[in-house]
Amino acid sequence: MTTPYQDREFSDPAVYPDNASFWQAATYGRLMLKRCNACGEVHWFPRPICPLCGSDDTQWVPASGKGTVYSVTVTRKAGPVPFALAYVTLEEGATMMTNIVDCDLDTVRIGDKVEVVFKPSRGGQAVPMFRPE
């Protein structure tokens, strides 16, 4: 089966004071993560408190934008346009839920190497998604 990627409209992300830096960086095509200065781990989704150790000593760090598909499914009945929903484990160690884009969606496999690409939301906010390397 072949399911080519098609651009689809999606809603704007919720921008709050604790994630505004993330969305601002995305506007410039940069993927940022939060790193905990107490335990040294990066985490996703961006938040001021480390979910791994509970510290509030976190900082924004640039991510490589490279990762590996951990899990993927192609959704064909959730709307008029099929899309690939995936978990991608970034080189930095955090795993994020995202979309796989710019490819035949049926060719995406667990273990595939991917790279970040930014797609505009309905209001124009750049949102990170991934495509095969």
Foldseek 3Di string as FASTA:
>chain_A
DWAAFDDDADADDDDDPQCVVQLVVLQVVWHKWKAAPVVGATEPDGDQADPVPGDSRIDIDTFPQKWFWQDWDWDPPPDPGIWIWTWTQGPRGYIDIATEHDGGNVVDDGGFMWGWDWDQHPVGRTDIHIYGD
